[in-house]
Amino acid sequence: MKKICAILCALSIVSACAQQPASITPVSMGNTYSNVSCPKAAELYKQEAAKVPSLVAAQKQAVTGDAIGVFLIGVPMSSLSGGDLEGEIAATKGKLIALAGRLETCGSSPAQVAWG
């Protein structure tokens, strides 16, 4: 019984760890940007894409912090202290996908964003 409890505790701690930016699933934005003009969609896409490098760097720090925290004290510190940006990354990915879809209807295709 003690082994089962220990395994369940370990799994719950590990599952709370921050995910790598590339493995975060985007939030669906549907056709949110379908009525946005093409120039405005291009501007919004550039603004969202400009956020990506800092989000990726911060999330990778959270992943590392969680790994160290779990190793040293058994607690994913970054996730518990608000360092995990999974929600913001998921929203940004969703916005970029929706805006890219809008830009394709405008006849242009935006540069791909790397979530490394």
PDB file of N, CA and C in Angstrom:
ATOM      1  N   MET A   1       0.815  -1.190   0.000  1.00  0.00           N
ATOM      2  CA  MET A   1       0.000   0.000   0.000  1.00  0.00           C
ATOM      3  C   MET A   1       0.864   1.261   0.000  1.00  0.00           C
ATOM      4  N   LYS A   2       1.953   1.231   0.775  1.00  0.00           N
ATOM      5  CA  LYS A   2       2.844   2.388   0.838  1.00  0.00           C
ATOM      6  C   LYS A   2       3.488   2.650  -0.515  1.00  0.00           C
ATOM      7  N   LYS A   3       3.820   1.573  -1.243  1.00  0.00           N
ATOM      8  CA  LYS A   3       4.426   1.729  -2.571  1.00  0.00           C
ATOM      9  C   LYS A   3       3.449   2.400  -3.535  1.00  0.00           C
ATOM     10  N   ILE A   4       2.209   1.992  -3.486  1.00  0.00           N
ATOM     11  CA  ILE A   4       1.196   2.563  -4.369  1.00  0.00           C
ATOM     12  C   ILE A   4       1.003   4.041  -4.057  1.00  0.00           C
ATOM     13  N   CYS A   5       0.963   4.376  -2.798  1.00  0.00           N
ATOM     14  CA  CYS A   5       0.808   5.775  -2.385  1.00  0.00           C
ATOM     15  C   CYS A   5       2.009   6.602  -2.847  1.00  0.00           C
ATOM     16  N   ALA A   6       3.204   6.048  -2.688  1.00  0.00           N
ATOM     17  CA  ALA A   6       4.415   6.753  -3.114  1.00  0.00           C
ATOM     18  C   ALA A   6       4.433   6.961  -4.631  1.00  0.00           C
ATOM     19  N   ILE A   7       4.004   5.968  -5.367  1.00  0.00           N
ATOM     20  CA  ILE A   7       3.967   6.074  -6.826  1.00  0.00           C
ATOM     21  C   ILE A   7       2.942   7.120  -7.259  1.00  0.00           C
ATOM     22  N   LEU A   8       1.776   7.122  -6.643  1.00  0.00           N
ATOM     23  CA  LEU A   8       0.753   8.110  -6.980  1.00  0.00           C
ATOM     24  C   LEU A   8       1.210   9.525  -6.649  1.00  0.00           C
ATOM     25  N   CYS A   9       1.880   9.690  -5.537  1.00  0.00           N
ATOM     26  CA  CYS A   9       2.414  11.014  -5.172  1.00  0.00           C
ATOM     27  C   CYS A   9       3.466  11.468  -6.173  1.00  0.00           C
ATOM     28  N   ALA A  10       4.344  10.565  -6.542  1.00  0.00           N
ATOM     29  CA  ALA A  10       5.394  10.899  -7.507  1.00  0.00           C
ATOM     30  C   ALA A  10       4.787  11.277  -8.855  1.00  0.00           C
ATOM     31  N   LEU A  11       3.787  10.549  -9.290  1.00  0.00           N
ATOM     32  CA  LEU A  11       3.140  10.855 -10.570  1.00  0.00           C
ATOM     33  C   LEU A  11       2.441  12.201 -10.535  1.00  0.00           C
ATOM     34  N   SER A  12       1.811  12.528  -9.423  1.00  0.00           N
ATOM     35  CA  SER A  12       1.129  13.816  -9.346  1.00  0.00           C
ATOM     36  C   SER A  12       2.123  14.968  -9.356  1.00  0.00           C
ATOM     37  N   ILE A  13       3.276  14.789  -8.756  1.00  0.00           N
ATOM     38  CA  ILE A  13       4.300  15.834  -8.761  1.00  0.00           C
ATOM     39  C   ILE A  13       4.881  16.003 -10.154  1.00  0.00           C
ATOM     40  N   VAL A  14       5.211  14.905 -10.805  1.00  0.00           N
ATOM     41  CA  VAL A  14       5.795  14.980 -12.144  1.00  0.00           C
ATOM     42  C   VAL A  14       4.800  15.544 -13.151  1.00  0.00           C
ATOM     43  N   SER A  15       3.524  15.214 -13.001  1.00  0.00           N
ATOM     44  CA  SER A  15       2.520  15.713 -13.943  1.00  0.00           C
ATOM     45  C   SER A  15       2.308  17.214 -13.803  1.00  0.00           C
ATOM     46  N   ALA A  16       2.694  17.775 -12.677  1.00  0.00           N
ATOM     47  CA  ALA A  16       2.536  19.213 -12.459  1.00  0.00           C
ATOM     48  C   ALA A  16       3.702  20.013 -13.034  1.00  0.00           C
ATOM     49  N   CYS A  17       4.695  19.334 -13.571  1.00  0.00           N
ATOM     50  CA  CYS A  17       5.872  20.018 -14.106  1.00  0.00           C
ATOM     51  C   CYS A  17       5.548  20.772 -15.393  1.00  0.00           C
ATOM     52  N   ALA A  18       6.302  21.834 -15.622  1.00  0.00           N
ATOM     53  CA  ALA A  18       6.142  22.638 -16.838  1.00  0.00           C
ATOM     54  C   ALA A  18       6.508  21.814 -18.072  1.00  0.00           C
ATOM     55  N   GLN A  19       5.802  22.050 -19.164  1.00  0.00           N
ATOM     56  CA  GLN A  19       6.054  21.356 -20.434  1.00  0.00           C
ATOM     57  C   GLN A  19       6.990  22.178 -21.315  1.00  0.00           C
ATOM     58  N   GLN A  20       7.679  21.489 -22.203  1.00  0.00           N
ATOM     59  CA  GLN A  20       8.500  22.175 -23.202  1.00  0.00           C
ATOM     60  C   GLN A  20       7.574  22.991 -24.107  1.00  0.00           C
ATOM     61  N   PRO A  21       8.011  24.166 -24.555  1.00  0.00           N
ATOM     62  CA  PRO A  21       7.152  25.031 -25.380  1.00  0.00           C
ATOM     63  C   PRO A  21       6.605  24.346 -26.633  1.00  0.00           C
ATOM     64  N   ALA A  22       7.418  23.533 -27.274  1.00  0.00           N
ATOM     65  CA  ALA A  22       6.989  22.879 -28.513  1.00  0.00           C
ATOM     66  C   ALA A  22       5.881  21.852 -28.276  1.00  0.00           C
ATOM     67  N   SER A  23       5.772  21.332 -27.059  1.00  0.00           N
ATOM     68  CA  SER A  23       4.770  20.297 -26.799  1.00  0.00           C
ATOM     69  C   SER A  23       3.451  20.843 -26.262  1.00  0.00           C
ATOM     70  N   ILE A  24       3.346  22.148 -26.111  1.00  0.00           N
ATOM     71  CA  ILE A  24       2.115  22.760 -25.610  1.00  0.00           C
ATOM     72  C   ILE A  24       1.103  22.882 -26.751  1.00  0.00           C
ATOM     73  N   THR A  25      -0.097  22.415 -26.512  1.00  0.00           N
ATOM     74  CA  THR A  25      -1.157  22.433 -27.518  1.00  0.00           C
ATOM     75  C   THR A  25      -1.773  23.828 -27.613  1.00  0.00           C
ATOM     76  N   PRO A  26      -1.957  24.340 -28.835  1.00  0.00           N
ATOM     77  CA  PRO A  26      -2.571  25.665 -28.978  1.00  0.00           C
ATOM     78  C   PRO A  26      -4.044  25.676 -28.601  1.00  0.00           C
ATOM     79  N   VAL A  27      -4.497  26.826 -28.145  1.00  0.00           N
ATOM     80  CA  VAL A  27      -5.917  27.037 -27.861  1.00  0.00           C
ATOM     81  C   VAL A  27      -6.587  27.440 -29.172  1.00  0.00           C
ATOM     82  N   SER A  28      -7.707  26.818 -29.485  1.00  0.00           N
ATOM     83  CA  SER A  28      -8.419  27.158 -30.714  1.00  0.00           C
ATOM     84  C   SER A  28      -9.044  28.539 -30.607  1.00  0.00           C
ATOM     85  N   MET A  29      -8.785  29.365 -31.611  1.00  0.00           N
ATOM     86  CA  MET A  29      -9.364  30.711 -31.652  1.00  0.00           C
ATOM     87  C   MET A  29     -10.504  30.785 -32.660  1.00  0.00           C
ATOM     88  N   GLY A  30     -10.760  29.669 -33.334  1.00  0.00           N
ATOM     89  CA  GLY A  30     -11.839  29.635 -34.314  1.00  0.00           C
ATOM     90  C   GLY A  30     -11.644  30.673 -35.402  1.00  0.00           C
ATOM     91  N   ASN A  31     -12.692  31.401 -35.724  1.00  0.00           N
ATOM     92  CA  ASN A  31     -12.606  32.429 -36.766  1.00  0.00           C
ATOM     93  C   ASN A  31     -12.598  33.834 -36.152  1.00  0.00           C
ATOM     94  N   THR A  32     -11.926  33.968 -35.036  1.00  0.00           N
ATOM     95  CA  THR A  32     -11.864  35.239 -34.309  1.00  0.00           C
ATOM     96  C   THR A  32     -11.387  36.394 -35.183  1.00  0.00           C
ATOM     97  N   TYR A  33     -10.467  36.117 -36.072  1.00  0.00           N
ATOM     98  CA  TYR A  33      -9.851  37.174 -36.872  1.00  0.00           C
ATOM     99  C   TYR A  33     -10.391  37.243 -38.303  1.00  0.00           C
ATOM    100  N   SER A  34     -11.506  36.585 -38.578  1.00  0.00           N
ATOM    101  CA  SER A  34     -12.025  36.546 -39.948  1.00  0.00           C
ATOM    102  C   SER A  34     -12.486  37.908 -40.453  1.00  0.00           C
ATOM    103  N   ASN A  35     -12.887  38.819 -39.584  1.00  0.00           N
ATOM    104  CA  ASN A  35     -13.343  40.148 -40.005  1.00  0.00           C
ATOM    105  C   ASN A  35     -12.269  41.223 -39.896  1.00  0.00           C
ATOM    106  N   VAL A  36     -11.059  40.807 -39.549  1.00  0.00           N
ATOM    107  CA  VAL A  36      -9.952  41.755 -39.424  1.00  0.00           C
ATOM    108  C   VAL A  36      -9.372  42.017 -40.813  1.00  0.00           C
ATOM    109  N   SER A  37      -9.042  43.267 -41.087  1.00  0.00           N
ATOM    110  CA  SER A  37      -8.467  43.595 -42.395  1.00  0.00           C
ATOM    111  C   SER A  37      -7.110  42.904 -42.559  1.00  0.00           C
ATOM    112  N   CYS A  38      -6.708  42.713 -43.800  1.00  0.00           N
ATOM    113  CA  CYS A  38      -5.441  42.039 -44.077  1.00  0.00           C
ATOM    114  C   CYS A  38      -4.240  42.786 -43.480  1.00  0.00           C
ATOM    115  N   PRO A  39      -4.137  44.114 -43.643  1.00  0.00           N
ATOM    116  CA  PRO A  39      -3.009  44.816 -43.018  1.00  0.00           C
ATOM    117  C   PRO A  39      -3.012  44.699 -41.487  1.00  0.00           C
ATOM    118  N   LYS A  40      -4.192  44.775 -40.879  1.00  0.00           N
ATOM    119  CA  LYS A  40      -4.288  44.652 -39.429  1.00  0.00           C
ATOM    120  C   LYS A  40      -3.912  43.244 -38.980  1.00  0.00           C
ATOM    121  N   ALA A  41      -4.328  42.227 -39.743  1.00  0.00           N
ATOM    122  CA  ALA A  41      -3.978  40.841 -39.421  1.00  0.00           C
ATOM    123  C   ALA A  41      -2.463  40.645 -39.497  1.00  0.00           C
ATOM    124  N   ALA A  42      -1.830  41.243 -40.493  1.00  0.00           N
ATOM    125  CA  ALA A  42      -0.374  41.141 -40.626  1.00  0.00           C
ATOM    126  C   ALA A  42       0.318  41.808 -39.441  1.00  0.00           C
ATOM    127  N   GLU A  43      -0.202  42.952 -39.018  1.00  0.00           N
ATOM    128  CA  GLU A  43       0.371  43.666 -37.872  1.00  0.00           C
ATOM    129  C   GLU A  43       0.209  42.846 -36.584  1.00  0.00           C
ATOM    130  N   LEU A  44      -0.983  42.285 -36.379  1.00  0.00           N
ATOM    131  CA  LEU A  44      -1.238  41.467 -35.192  1.00  0.00           C
ATOM    132  C   LEU A  44      -0.355  40.220 -35.179  1.00  0.00           C
ATOM    133  N   TYR A  45      -0.161  39.626 -36.358  1.00  0.00           N
ATOM    134  CA  TYR A  45       0.688  38.439 -36.451  1.00  0.00           C
ATOM    135  C   TYR A  45       2.122  38.785 -36.037  1.00  0.00           C
ATOM    136  N   LYS A  46       2.629  39.916 -36.532  1.00  0.00           N
ATOM    137  CA  LYS A  46       3.991  40.332 -36.177  1.00  0.00           C
ATOM    138  C   LYS A  46       4.110  40.585 -34.678  1.00  0.00           C
ATOM    139  N   GLN A  47       3.096  41.195 -34.074  1.00  0.00           N
ATOM    140  CA  GLN A  47       3.115  41.464 -32.633  1.00  0.00           C
ATOM    141  C   GLN A  47       3.145  40.165 -31.825  1.00  0.00           C
ATOM    142  N   GLU A  48       2.311  39.207 -32.214  1.00  0.00           N
ATOM    143  CA  GLU A  48       2.290  37.925 -31.501  1.00  0.00           C
ATOM    144  C   GLU A  48       3.586  37.155 -31.714  1.00  0.00           C
ATOM    145  N   ALA A  49       4.094  37.160 -32.940  1.00  0.00           N
ATOM    146  CA  ALA A  49       5.339  36.443 -33.233  1.00  0.00           C
ATOM    147  C   ALA A  49       6.519  37.045 -32.471  1.00  0.00           C
ATOM    148  N   ALA A  50       6.478  38.345 -32.204  1.00  0.00           N
ATOM    149  CA  ALA A  50       7.560  39.002 -31.467  1.00  0.00           C
ATOM    150  C   ALA A  50       7.615  38.533 -30.009  1.00  0.00           C
ATOM    151  N   LYS A  51       6.508  38.037 -29.479  1.00  0.00           N
ATOM    152  CA  LYS A  51       6.465  37.549 -28.097  1.00  0.00           C
ATOM    153  C   LYS A  51       7.121  36.175 -27.938  1.00  0.00           C
ATOM    154  N   VAL A  52       7.191  35.430 -29.035  1.00  0.00           N
ATOM    155  CA  VAL A  52       7.586  34.027 -28.964  1.00  0.00           C
ATOM    156  C   VAL A  52       8.965  33.802 -28.341  1.00  0.00           C
ATOM    157  N   PRO A  53      10.019  34.498 -28.766  1.00  0.00           N
ATOM    158  CA  PRO A  53      11.335  34.201 -28.169  1.00  0.00           C
ATOM    159  C   PRO A  53      11.375  34.354 -26.645  1.00  0.00           C
ATOM    160  N   SER A  54      10.753  35.391 -26.107  1.00  0.00           N
ATOM    161  CA  SER A  54      10.780  35.565 -24.654  1.00  0.00           C
ATOM    162  C   SER A  54       9.914  34.509 -23.958  1.00  0.00           C
ATOM    163  N   LEU A  55       8.782  34.137 -24.566  1.00  0.00           N
ATOM    164  CA  LEU A  55       7.953  33.086 -23.987  1.00  0.00           C
ATOM    165  C   LEU A  55       8.689  31.754 -23.966  1.00  0.00           C
ATOM    166  N   VAL A  56       9.365  31.437 -25.063  1.00  0.00           N
ATOM    167  CA  VAL A  56      10.119  30.179 -25.153  1.00  0.00           C
ATOM    168  C   VAL A  56      11.223  30.158 -24.098  1.00  0.00           C
ATOM    169  N   ALA A  57      11.971  31.247 -23.988  1.00  0.00           N
ATOM    170  CA  ALA A  57      13.069  31.299 -23.011  1.00  0.00           C
ATOM    171  C   ALA A  57      12.541  31.148 -21.585  1.00  0.00           C
ATOM    172  N   ALA A  58      11.460  31.847 -21.262  1.00  0.00           N
ATOM    173  CA  ALA A  58      10.897  31.772 -19.914  1.00  0.00           C
ATOM    174  C   ALA A  58      10.351  30.374 -19.617  1.00  0.00           C
ATOM    175  N   GLN A  59       9.710  29.757 -20.601  1.00  0.00           N
ATOM    176  CA  GLN A  59       9.157  28.419 -20.383  1.00  0.00           C
ATOM    177  C   GLN A  59      10.274  27.396 -20.214  1.00  0.00           C
ATOM    178  N   LYS A  60      11.342  27.543 -20.971  1.00  0.00           N
ATOM    179  CA  LYS A  60      12.466  26.609 -20.817  1.00  0.00           C
ATOM    180  C   LYS A  60      13.102  26.763 -19.435  1.00  0.00           C
ATOM    181  N   GLN A  61      13.137  27.982 -18.916  1.00  0.00           N
ATOM    182  CA  GLN A  61      13.621  28.188 -17.547  1.00  0.00           C
ATOM    183  C   GLN A  61      12.702  27.506 -16.543  1.00  0.00           C
ATOM    184  N   ALA A  62      11.399  27.582 -16.787  1.00  0.00           N
ATOM    185  CA  ALA A  62      10.433  26.933 -15.894  1.00  0.00           C
ATOM    186  C   ALA A  62      10.613  25.414 -15.922  1.00  0.00           C
ATOM    187  N   VAL A  63      10.849  24.866 -17.105  1.00  0.00           N
ATOM    188  CA  VAL A  63      11.069  23.420 -17.232  1.00  0.00           C
ATOM    189  C   VAL A  63      12.305  23.020 -16.437  1.00  0.00           C
ATOM    190  N   THR A  64      13.384  23.778 -16.603  1.00  0.00           N
ATOM    191  CA  THR A  64      14.624  23.490 -15.883  1.00  0.00           C
ATOM    192  C   THR A  64      14.428  23.654 -14.374  1.00  0.00           C
ATOM    193  N   GLY A  65      13.762  24.727 -13.978  1.00  0.00           N
ATOM    194  CA  GLY A  65      13.501  24.951 -12.558  1.00  0.00           C
ATOM    195  C   GLY A  65      12.676  23.839 -11.939  1.00  0.00           C
ATOM    196  N   ASP A  66      11.680  23.352 -12.675  1.00  0.00           N
ATOM    197  CA  ASP A  66      10.864  22.254 -12.173  1.00  0.00           C
ATOM    198  C   ASP A  66      11.688  20.976 -12.040  1.00  0.00           C
ATOM    199  N   ALA A  67      12.523  20.709 -13.027  1.00  0.00           N
ATOM    200  CA  ALA A  67      13.352  19.497 -12.980  1.00  0.00           C
ATOM    201  C   ALA A  67      14.298  19.539 -11.780  1.00  0.00           C
ATOM    202  N   ILE A  68      14.911  20.686 -11.560  1.00  0.00           N
ATOM    203  CA  ILE A  68      15.824  20.828 -10.417  1.00  0.00           C
ATOM    204  C   ILE A  68      15.049  20.730  -9.103  1.00  0.00           C
ATOM    205  N   GLY A  69      13.908  21.398  -9.045  1.00  0.00           N
ATOM    206  CA  GLY A  69      13.094  21.351  -7.829  1.00  0.00           C
ATOM    207  C   GLY A  69      12.629  19.954  -7.485  1.00  0.00           C
ATOM    208  N   VAL A  70      12.183  19.205  -8.489  1.00  0.00           N
ATOM    209  CA  VAL A  70      11.726  17.839  -8.254  1.00  0.00           C
ATOM    210  C   VAL A  70      12.903  16.971  -7.818  1.00  0.00           C
ATOM    211  N   PHE A  71      14.059  17.178  -8.437  1.00  0.00           N
ATOM    212  CA  PHE A  71      15.238  16.380  -8.093  1.00  0.00           C
ATOM    213  C   PHE A  71      15.704  16.675  -6.665  1.00  0.00           C
ATOM    214  N   LEU A  72      15.750  17.953  -6.290  1.00  0.00           N
ATOM    215  CA  LEU A  72      16.302  18.325  -4.987  1.00  0.00           C
ATOM    216  C   LEU A  72      15.314  18.174  -3.831  1.00  0.00           C
ATOM    217  N   ILE A  73      14.082  18.658  -4.027  1.00  0.00           N
ATOM    218  CA  ILE A  73      13.139  18.642  -2.909  1.00  0.00           C
ATOM    219  C   ILE A  73      11.812  17.947  -3.225  1.00  0.00           C
ATOM    220  N   GLY A  74      11.682  17.440  -4.437  1.00  0.00           N
ATOM    221  CA  GLY A  74      10.466  16.715  -4.794  1.00  0.00           C
ATOM    222  C   GLY A  74       9.284  17.577  -5.143  1.00  0.00           C
ATOM    223  N   VAL A  75       9.525  18.866  -5.426  1.00  0.00           N
ATOM    224  CA  VAL A  75       8.427  19.790  -5.723  1.00  0.00           C
ATOM    225  C   VAL A  75       8.782  20.608  -6.969  1.00  0.00           C
ATOM    226  N   PRO A  76       7.861  20.696  -7.962  1.00  0.00           N
ATOM    227  CA  PRO A  76       8.119  21.508  -9.167  1.00  0.00           C
ATOM    228  C   PRO A  76       7.954  22.998  -8.841  1.00  0.00           C
ATOM    229  N   MET A  77       9.015  23.618  -8.412  1.00  0.00           N
ATOM    230  CA  MET A  77       8.963  24.991  -7.902  1.00  0.00           C
ATOM    231  C   MET A  77       8.452  26.007  -8.927  1.00  0.00           C
ATOM    232  N   SER A  78       8.911  25.942 -10.165  1.00  0.00           N
ATOM    233  CA  SER A  78       8.493  26.937 -11.166  1.00  0.00           C
ATOM    234  C   SER A  78       6.994  26.876 -11.424  1.00  0.00           C
ATOM    235  N   SER A  79       6.466  25.683 -11.515  1.00  0.00           N
ATOM    236  CA  SER A  79       5.028  25.539 -11.762  1.00  0.00           C
ATOM    237  C   SER A  79       4.214  26.070 -10.581  1.00  0.00           C
ATOM    238  N   LEU A  80       4.696  25.841  -9.390  1.00  0.00           N
ATOM    239  CA  LEU A  80       3.962  26.279  -8.210  1.00  0.00           C
ATOM    240  C   LEU A  80       4.108  27.772  -7.939  1.00  0.00           C
ATOM    241  N   SER A  81       5.201  28.368  -8.419  1.00  0.00           N
ATOM    242  CA  SER A  81       5.433  29.792  -8.144  1.00  0.00           C
ATOM    243  C   SER A  81       4.970  30.699  -9.279  1.00  0.00           C
ATOM    244  N   GLY A  82       4.306  30.149 -10.286  1.00  0.00           N
ATOM    245  CA  GLY A  82       3.777  30.964 -11.371  1.00  0.00           C
ATOM    246  C   GLY A  82       4.723  31.147 -12.545  1.00  0.00           C
ATOM    247  N   GLY A  83       5.818  30.419 -12.580  1.00  0.00           N
ATOM    248  CA  GLY A  83       6.771  30.547 -13.665  1.00  0.00           C
ATOM    249  C   GLY A  83       6.371  29.799 -14.929  1.00  0.00           C
ATOM    250  N   ASP A  84       5.402  28.909 -14.811  1.00  0.00           N
ATOM    251  CA  ASP A  84       4.950  28.121 -15.959  1.00  0.00           C
ATOM    252  C   ASP A  84       4.025  28.984 -16.819  1.00  0.00           C
ATOM    253  N   LEU A  85       4.399  29.205 -18.070  1.00  0.00           N
ATOM    254  CA  LEU A  85       3.634  30.059 -18.985  1.00  0.00           C
ATOM    255  C   LEU A  85       2.824  29.257 -19.995  1.00  0.00           C
ATOM    256  N   GLU A  86       2.449  28.047 -19.630  1.00  0.00           N
ATOM    257  CA  GLU A  86       1.747  27.165 -20.561  1.00  0.00           C
ATOM    258  C   GLU A  86       0.489  27.805 -21.139  1.00  0.00           C
ATOM    259  N   GLY A  87      -0.309  28.452 -20.327  1.00  0.00           N
ATOM    260  CA  GLY A  87      -1.541  29.080 -20.807  1.00  0.00           C
ATOM    261  C   GLY A  87      -1.283  30.192 -21.798  1.00  0.00           C
ATOM    262  N   GLU A  88      -0.303  31.022 -21.491  1.00  0.00           N
ATOM    263  CA  GLU A  88       0.030  32.132 -22.391  1.00  0.00           C
ATOM    264  C   GLU A  88       0.601  31.624 -23.713  1.00  0.00           C
ATOM    265  N   ILE A  89       1.415  30.579 -23.637  1.00  0.00           N
ATOM    266  CA  ILE A  89       1.980  29.997 -24.866  1.00  0.00           C
ATOM    267  C   ILE A  89       0.873  29.365 -25.699  1.00  0.00           C
ATOM    268  N   ALA A  90      -0.045  28.649 -25.064  1.00  0.00           N
ATOM    269  CA  ALA A  90      -1.156  28.020 -25.787  1.00  0.00           C
ATOM    270  C   ALA A  90      -2.013  29.076 -26.482  1.00  0.00           C
ATOM    271  N   ALA A  91      -2.265  30.190 -25.795  1.00  0.00           N
ATOM    272  CA  ALA A  91      -3.059  31.269 -26.393  1.00  0.00           C
ATOM    273  C   ALA A  91      -2.309  31.924 -27.552  1.00  0.00           C
ATOM    274  N   THR A  92      -1.031  32.168 -27.379  1.00  0.00           N
ATOM    275  CA  THR A  92      -0.236  32.786 -28.449  1.00  0.00           C
ATOM    276  C   THR A  92      -0.170  31.876 -29.666  1.00  0.00           C
ATOM    277  N   LYS A  93       0.022  30.588 -29.438  1.00  0.00           N
ATOM    278  CA  LYS A  93       0.022  29.641 -30.567  1.00  0.00           C
ATOM    279  C   LYS A  93      -1.317  29.674 -31.300  1.00  0.00           C
ATOM    280  N   GLY A  94      -2.412  29.687 -30.540  1.00  0.00           N
ATOM    281  CA  GLY A  94      -3.739  29.733 -31.155  1.00  0.00           C
ATOM    282  C   GLY A  94      -3.956  30.997 -31.959  1.00  0.00           C
ATOM    283  N   LYS A  95      -3.517  32.134 -31.419  1.00  0.00           N
ATOM    284  CA  LYS A  95      -3.646  33.402 -32.139  1.00  0.00           C
ATOM    285  C   LYS A  95      -2.838  33.371 -33.432  1.00  0.00           C
ATOM    286  N   LEU A  96      -1.620  32.847 -33.358  1.00  0.00           N
ATOM    287  CA  LEU A  96      -0.778  32.795 -34.560  1.00  0.00           C
ATOM    288  C   LEU A  96      -1.395  31.901 -35.629  1.00  0.00           C
ATOM    289  N   ILE A  97      -1.961  30.790 -35.222  1.00  0.00           N
ATOM    290  CA  ILE A  97      -2.604  29.891 -36.189  1.00  0.00           C
ATOM    291  C   ILE A  97      -3.810  30.570 -36.827  1.00  0.00           C
ATOM    292  N   ALA A  98      -4.634  31.223 -36.005  1.00  0.00           N
ATOM    293  CA  ALA A  98      -5.826  31.906 -36.529  1.00  0.00           C
ATOM    294  C   ALA A  98      -5.439  33.064 -37.446  1.00  0.00           C
ATOM    295  N   LEU A  99      -4.430  33.817 -37.047  1.00  0.00           N
ATOM    296  CA  LEU A  99      -3.983  34.945 -37.883  1.00  0.00           C
ATOM    297  C   LEU A  99      -3.335  34.451 -39.167  1.00  0.00           C
ATOM    298  N   ALA A 100      -2.593  33.357 -39.102  1.00  0.00           N
ATOM    299  CA  ALA A 100      -1.998  32.790 -40.311  1.00  0.00           C
ATOM    300  C   ALA A 100      -3.089  32.351 -41.281  1.00  0.00           C
ATOM    301  N   GLY A 101      -4.161  31.767 -40.749  1.00  0.00           N
ATOM    302  CA  GLY A 101      -5.288  31.383 -41.596  1.00  0.00           C
ATOM    303  C   GLY A 101      -5.926  32.590 -42.257  1.00  0.00           C
ATOM    304  N   ARG A 102      -6.057  33.671 -41.512  1.00  0.00           N
ATOM    305  CA  ARG A 102      -6.616  34.910 -42.073  1.00  0.00           C
ATOM    306  C   ARG A 102      -5.704  35.457 -43.151  1.00  0.00           C
ATOM    307  N   LEU A 103      -4.398  35.433 -42.910  1.00  0.00           N
ATOM    308  CA  LEU A 103      -3.456  35.963 -43.890  1.00  0.00           C
ATOM    309  C   LEU A 103      -3.417  35.119 -45.163  1.00  0.00           C
ATOM    310  N   GLU A 104      -3.657  33.828 -45.031  1.00  0.00           N
ATOM    311  CA  GLU A 104      -3.721  32.980 -46.224  1.00  0.00           C
ATOM    312  C   GLU A 104      -4.888  33.372 -47.110  1.00  0.00           C
ATOM    313  N   THR A 105      -6.007  33.768 -46.508  1.00  0.00           N
ATOM    314  CA  THR A 105      -7.147  34.223 -47.317  1.00  0.00           C
ATOM    315  C   THR A 105      -6.842  35.569 -47.968  1.00  0.00           C
ATOM    316  N   CYS A 106      -5.860  36.291 -47.432  1.00  0.00           N
ATOM    317  CA  CYS A 106      -5.442  37.563 -48.002  1.00  0.00           C
ATOM    318  C   CYS A 106      -4.440  37.363 -49.139  1.00  0.00           C
ATOM    319  N   GLY A 107      -3.986  36.141 -49.312  1.00  0.00           N
ATOM    320  CA  GLY A 107      -3.037  35.855 -50.377  1.00  0.00           C
ATOM    321  C   GLY A 107      -1.580  35.919 -49.925  1.00  0.00           C
ATOM    322  N   SER A 108      -1.338  36.011 -48.628  1.00  0.00           N
ATOM    323  CA  SER A 108       0.036  36.008 -48.148  1.00  0.00           C
ATOM    324  C   SER A 108       0.202  34.922 -47.098  1.00  0.00           C
ATOM    325  N   SER A 109       1.425  34.458 -46.976  1.00  0.00           N
ATOM    326  CA  SER A 109       1.681  33.435 -45.953  1.00  0.00           C
ATOM    327  C   SER A 109       2.775  33.966 -45.030  1.00  0.00           C
ATOM    328  N   PRO A 110       2.479  34.038 -43.748  1.00  0.00           N
ATOM    329  CA  PRO A 110       3.443  34.576 -42.783  1.00  0.00           C
ATOM    330  C   PRO A 110       4.600  33.613 -42.563  1.00  0.00           C
ATOM    331  N   ALA A 111       5.699  34.145 -42.044  1.00  0.00           N
ATOM    332  CA  ALA A 111       6.850  33.313 -41.712  1.00  0.00           C
ATOM    333  C   ALA A 111       6.486  32.385 -40.557  1.00  0.00           C
ATOM    334  N   GLN A 112       7.023  31.189 -40.606  1.00  0.00           N
ATOM    335  CA  GLN A 112       6.761  30.222 -39.540  1.00  0.00           C
ATOM    336  C   GLN A 112       7.474  30.638 -38.261  1.00  0.00           C
ATOM    337  N   VAL A 113       6.874  30.332 -37.142  1.00  0.00           N
ATOM    338  CA  VAL A 113       7.439  30.668 -35.845  1.00  0.00           C
ATOM    339  C   VAL A 113       8.017  29.402 -35.231  1.00  0.00           C
ATOM    340  N   ALA A 114       9.235  29.463 -34.696  1.00  0.00           N
ATOM    341  CA  ALA A 114       9.881  28.308 -34.082  1.00  0.00           C
ATOM    342  C   ALA A 114       9.591  28.286 -32.590  1.00  0.00           C
ATOM    343  N   TRP A 115       9.097  27.156 -32.095  1.00  0.00           N
ATOM    344  CA  TRP A 115       8.784  27.007 -30.683  1.00  0.00           C
ATOM    345  C   TRP A 115       9.822  26.188 -29.964  1.00  0.00           C
ATOM    346  N   GLY A 116      10.971  25.974 -30.593  1.00  0.00           N
ATOM    347  CA  GLY A 116      12.123  25.250 -30.105  1.00  0.00           C
ATOM    348  C   GLY A 116      12.112  24.766 -28.781  1.00  0.00           C
TER     349      GLY A 116
END
